[in-house]
Protein backbone atom coordinates (compact mmCIF):
# COMPACT_ATOMS: atom_id res chain seq x y z
CA THR A 1 -8.22 62.31 203.69
CA CYS A 2 -9.93 65.18 201.95
CA PHE A 3 -13.00 64.92 199.74
CA ILE A 4 -14.04 67.68 197.38
CA ILE A 5 -17.46 67.29 195.83
CA PHE A 6 -18.51 69.28 192.80
CA SER A 7 -22.17 69.46 191.91
CA ASN A 8 -24.20 71.34 189.35
CA PHE A 9 -27.35 71.06 191.47
CA LYS A 10 -28.77 74.14 193.14
CA SER A 11 -29.22 73.73 196.88
CA ILE A 12 -31.17 75.69 199.43
CA GLY A 13 -29.83 76.40 202.90
CA CYS A 14 -33.10 76.87 204.75
CA PHE A 15 -34.94 74.52 207.07
CA CYS A 16 -38.50 74.51 205.79
CA ASP A 17 -39.42 70.88 206.30
CA ASN A 18 -42.86 71.77 207.74
CA TYR A 19 -43.52 74.51 205.20
CA GLU A 20 -46.80 74.26 203.32
CA SER A 21 -46.59 75.76 199.84
CA TYR A 22 -50.29 76.64 199.50
CA PHE A 23 -51.24 80.21 200.42
CA CYS A 24 -54.54 79.39 202.17
CA ARG A 25 -52.97 76.65 204.30
CA ASN A 26 -50.26 79.03 205.52
CA ALA A 27 -52.45 82.07 206.15
CA ASN A 28 -53.94 81.69 209.60
CA GLU A 29 -55.97 83.90 211.93
CA TRP A 30 -53.08 86.02 213.22
CA TYR A 31 -51.93 87.22 209.79
CA ASN A 32 -53.05 90.43 208.11
CA ILE A 33 -54.34 89.64 204.62
CA VAL A 34 -53.98 92.61 202.27
CA LEU A 35 -54.25 93.46 198.60
CA ALA A 36 -51.18 95.50 197.66
CA VAL A 37 -49.28 96.73 194.63
CA VAL A 38 -45.49 96.30 194.40
CA THR A 39 -43.87 99.74 194.21
CA ASP A 40 -40.15 99.07 194.63
CA SER A 41 -37.60 96.28 194.61
CA LEU A 42 -35.18 97.25 197.37
CA GLU A 43 -32.90 94.19 197.22
CA PRO A 44 -33.20 90.75 195.60
CA HIS A 45 -35.02 89.48 198.71
CA LEU A 46 -36.82 92.67 199.79
CA MET A 47 -39.62 94.62 198.12
CA GLU A 48 -41.95 97.46 199.02
CA ALA A 49 -45.70 97.46 198.41
CA VAL A 50 -48.57 99.90 198.97
CA VAL A 51 -51.68 98.48 200.64
CA LEU A 52 -54.75 98.96 198.44
CA GLU A 53 -57.25 97.07 200.59
CA ASN A 54 -57.36 95.30 203.95
CA ILE A 55 -59.00 91.91 203.47
CA TYR A 56 -58.63 90.38 206.95
CA ASN A 57 -57.17 91.72 210.24
CA GLU A 58 -56.78 95.33 209.18
CA THR A 59 -53.36 96.94 209.24
CA ALA A 60 -52.86 100.67 209.72
CA ARG A 61 -49.77 100.63 207.52
CA GLN A 62 -50.03 102.09 204.06
CA VAL A 63 -46.61 100.89 202.91
CA ILE A 64 -45.24 97.44 203.74
CA ASP A 65 -41.84 95.84 203.23
CA ILE A 66 -41.92 92.21 202.15
CA THR A 67 -38.96 90.00 202.99
CA GLY A 68 -38.61 87.06 200.65
CA HIS A 69 -36.27 84.09 200.53
CA ASP A 70 -32.77 85.14 201.56
CA GLY A 71 -31.13 81.71 201.73
CA GLY A 72 -31.86 81.18 205.42
CA ASN A 73 -35.61 81.52 205.72
CA CYS A 74 -38.65 80.06 203.98
CA GLY A 75 -39.79 83.20 202.17
CA GLU A 76 -41.01 83.39 198.61
CA TYR A 77 -38.58 84.02 195.76
CA LEU A 78 -39.35 87.68 195.02
CA GLU A 79 -37.65 87.59 191.62
CA LEU A 80 -40.95 86.18 190.34
CA PHE A 81 -42.70 89.51 190.95
CA HIS A 82 -42.29 92.93 189.35
CA ILE A 83 -43.01 96.58 190.12
CA GLY A 84 -46.68 97.20 189.34
CA ASP A 85 -47.85 93.64 190.19
CA THR A 86 -50.97 93.58 192.37
CA LEU A 87 -50.83 90.70 194.86
CA ILE A 88 -52.55 89.34 197.96
CA PHE A 89 -50.16 89.11 200.91
CA ALA A 90 -50.48 87.33 204.24
CA ILE A 91 -48.26 89.49 206.42
CA HIS A 92 -47.11 89.19 210.00
CA GLU A 93 -46.58 92.70 211.32
CA THR A 94 -43.39 93.49 213.15
CA GLU A 95 -42.20 96.69 214.79
């Protein structure tokens, strides 16, 4: 027996069941909080931003890459943002 199901509903393949959608509830003491301006859209789920101001837990980086939702993680949909937008980011620095 073979079942083929067609659906017009959009589905998401991530596992974010404990994900809190409010910025302040997600940003905790080990994140760097920065004010930055979006300077480039590298891919649909990756953008570049220049740090304008360190707000909490200073980072030495002047340019940061932001990874958004790629279908397997719980990142933000970056299509909502545009080059020139000034945003507050809670970033977790990686090497």
